[in-house]
Amino acid sequence: MLGVCDGAPYDRIVVTCSLNHVPEALLEQTRPGGTILTPWSRPWCNYGLLHLTVHDDGSAQGRFHP
């Protein structure tokens, strides 16, 4: 997943496909303080939604919403 560079950085990114890792491109294209919302799953389990907030250093932290 490469995201969409045109218009970045974004305040929020909503992913409509289930992910099992967060691509670096999504972190790079979300402004600090912005959010990423994505369905999250693994081959053996569906976790629900992952809601992340991107930090100034490019890392992200968040929680799962079943």
C-alpha atoms as a PDB file:
ATOM      1  CA  MET A   1       0.000   0.000   0.000  1.00  0.00           C
ATOM      2  CA  LEU A   2       1.499   3.285  -1.124  1.00  0.00           C
ATOM      3  CA  GLY A   3      -1.216   5.660   0.015  1.00  0.00           C
ATOM      4  CA  VAL A   4      -1.932   8.827  -1.972  1.00  0.00           C
ATOM      5  CA  CYS A   5       0.886  11.397  -1.957  1.00  0.00           C
ATOM      6  CA  ASP A   6      -1.118  14.177  -3.653  1.00  0.00           C
ATOM      7  CA  GLY A   7      -2.529  16.427  -0.934  1.00  0.00           C
ATOM      8  CA  ALA A   8      -0.525  14.883   1.925  1.00  0.00           C
ATOM      9  CA  PRO A   9      -0.128  15.305   4.803  1.00  0.00           C
ATOM     10  CA  TYR A  10      -3.694  14.428   5.714  1.00  0.00           C
ATOM     11  CA  ASP A  11      -5.566  15.086   8.969  1.00  0.00           C
ATOM     12  CA  ARG A  12      -7.018  11.603   8.867  1.00  0.00           C
ATOM     13  CA  ILE A  13      -6.741   8.487   6.761  1.00  0.00           C
ATOM     14  CA  VAL A  14      -9.532   5.918   6.651  1.00  0.00           C
ATOM     15  CA  VAL A  15      -8.486   2.548   5.244  1.00  0.00           C
ATOM     16  CA  THR A  16     -11.311   0.378   3.912  1.00  0.00           C
ATOM     17  CA  CYS A  17      -9.389  -2.884   3.590  1.00  0.00           C
ATOM     18  CA  SER A  18      -8.192  -4.954   6.526  1.00  0.00           C
ATOM     19  CA  LEU A  19      -4.500  -4.607   7.402  1.00  0.00           C
ATOM     20  CA  ASN A  20      -2.172  -6.738   9.502  1.00  0.00           C
ATOM     21  CA  HIS A  21       0.581  -4.085   9.611  1.00  0.00           C
ATOM     22  CA  VAL A  22       0.639  -0.324   9.159  1.00  0.00           C
ATOM     23  CA  PRO A  23       2.546   0.639   6.003  1.00  0.00           C
ATOM     24  CA  GLU A  24       5.187   3.334   6.465  1.00  0.00           C
ATOM     25  CA  ALA A  25       3.541   5.348   3.667  1.00  0.00           C
ATOM     26  CA  LEU A  26       0.411   5.842   5.788  1.00  0.00           C
ATOM     27  CA  LEU A  27       2.457   7.181   8.698  1.00  0.00           C
ATOM     28  CA  GLU A  28       4.404   9.508   6.406  1.00  0.00           C
ATOM     29  CA  GLN A  29       1.221  10.851   4.786  1.00  0.00           C
ATOM     30  CA  THR A  30      -0.580  11.636   8.073  1.00  0.00           C
ATOM     31  CA  ARG A  31       0.250  14.937   9.776  1.00  0.00           C
ATOM     32  CA  PRO A  32       1.409  14.895  13.417  1.00  0.00           C
ATOM     33  CA  GLY A  33      -1.709  14.733  15.567  1.00  0.00           C
ATOM     34  CA  GLY A  34      -3.649  13.165  12.685  1.00  0.00           C
ATOM     35  CA  THR A  35      -5.393   9.815  12.869  1.00  0.00           C
ATOM     36  CA  ILE A  36      -5.424   6.558  10.948  1.00  0.00           C
ATOM     37  CA  LEU A  37      -8.461   4.277  11.193  1.00  0.00           C
ATOM     38  CA  THR A  38      -8.313   0.790   9.708  1.00  0.00           C
ATOM     39  CA  PRO A  39      -9.877  -2.637  10.088  1.00  0.00           C
ATOM     40  CA  TRP A  40      -7.231  -4.892  11.686  1.00  0.00           C
ATOM     41  CA  SER A  41      -6.931  -8.637  11.314  1.00  0.00           C
ATOM     42  CA  ARG A  42      -4.591 -11.577  11.352  1.00  0.00           C
ATOM     43  CA  PRO A  43      -5.117 -14.864   9.524  1.00  0.00           C
ATOM     44  CA  TRP A  44      -6.400 -16.469  12.738  1.00  0.00           C
ATOM     45  CA  CYS A  45      -8.376 -13.563  14.243  1.00  0.00           C
ATOM     46  CA  ASN A  46     -10.262 -10.373  13.316  1.00  0.00           C
ATOM     47  CA  TYR A  47      -9.646  -7.672  15.921  1.00  0.00           C
ATOM     48  CA  GLY A  48     -12.043  -4.945  14.783  1.00  0.00           C
ATOM     49  CA  LEU A  49     -10.866  -1.370  14.170  1.00  0.00           C
ATOM     50  CA  LEU A  50      -7.454   0.080  14.941  1.00  0.00           C
ATOM     51  CA  HIS A  51      -7.451   3.833  15.692  1.00  0.00           C
ATOM     52  CA  LEU A  52      -3.974   5.423  15.692  1.00  0.00           C
ATOM     53  CA  THR A  53      -2.720   8.940  16.397  1.00  0.00           C
ATOM     54  CA  VAL A  54       0.485   9.896  14.584  1.00  0.00           C
ATOM     55  CA  HIS A  55       3.209  11.625  16.639  1.00  0.00           C
ATOM     56  CA  ASP A  56       5.764  14.292  15.650  1.00  0.00           C
ATOM     57  CA  ASP A  57       8.515  11.679  15.288  1.00  0.00           C
ATOM     58  CA  GLY A  58       6.477   9.672  12.749  1.00  0.00           C
ATOM     59  CA  SER A  59       5.502   6.927  15.177  1.00  0.00           C
ATOM     60  CA  ALA A  60       1.869   6.148  15.985  1.00  0.00           C
ATOM     61  CA  GLN A  61       0.006   4.922  19.014  1.00  0.00           C
ATOM     62  CA  GLY A  62      -3.580   3.872  19.495  1.00  0.00           C
ATOM     63  CA  ARG A  63      -6.075   1.258  20.481  1.00  0.00           C
ATOM     64  CA  PHE A  64      -8.326  -1.454  19.164  1.00  0.00           C
ATOM     65  CA  HIS A  65     -12.097  -1.089  19.049  1.00  0.00           C
ATOM     66  CA  PRO A  66     -13.767  -4.500  18.838  1.00  0.00           C
END
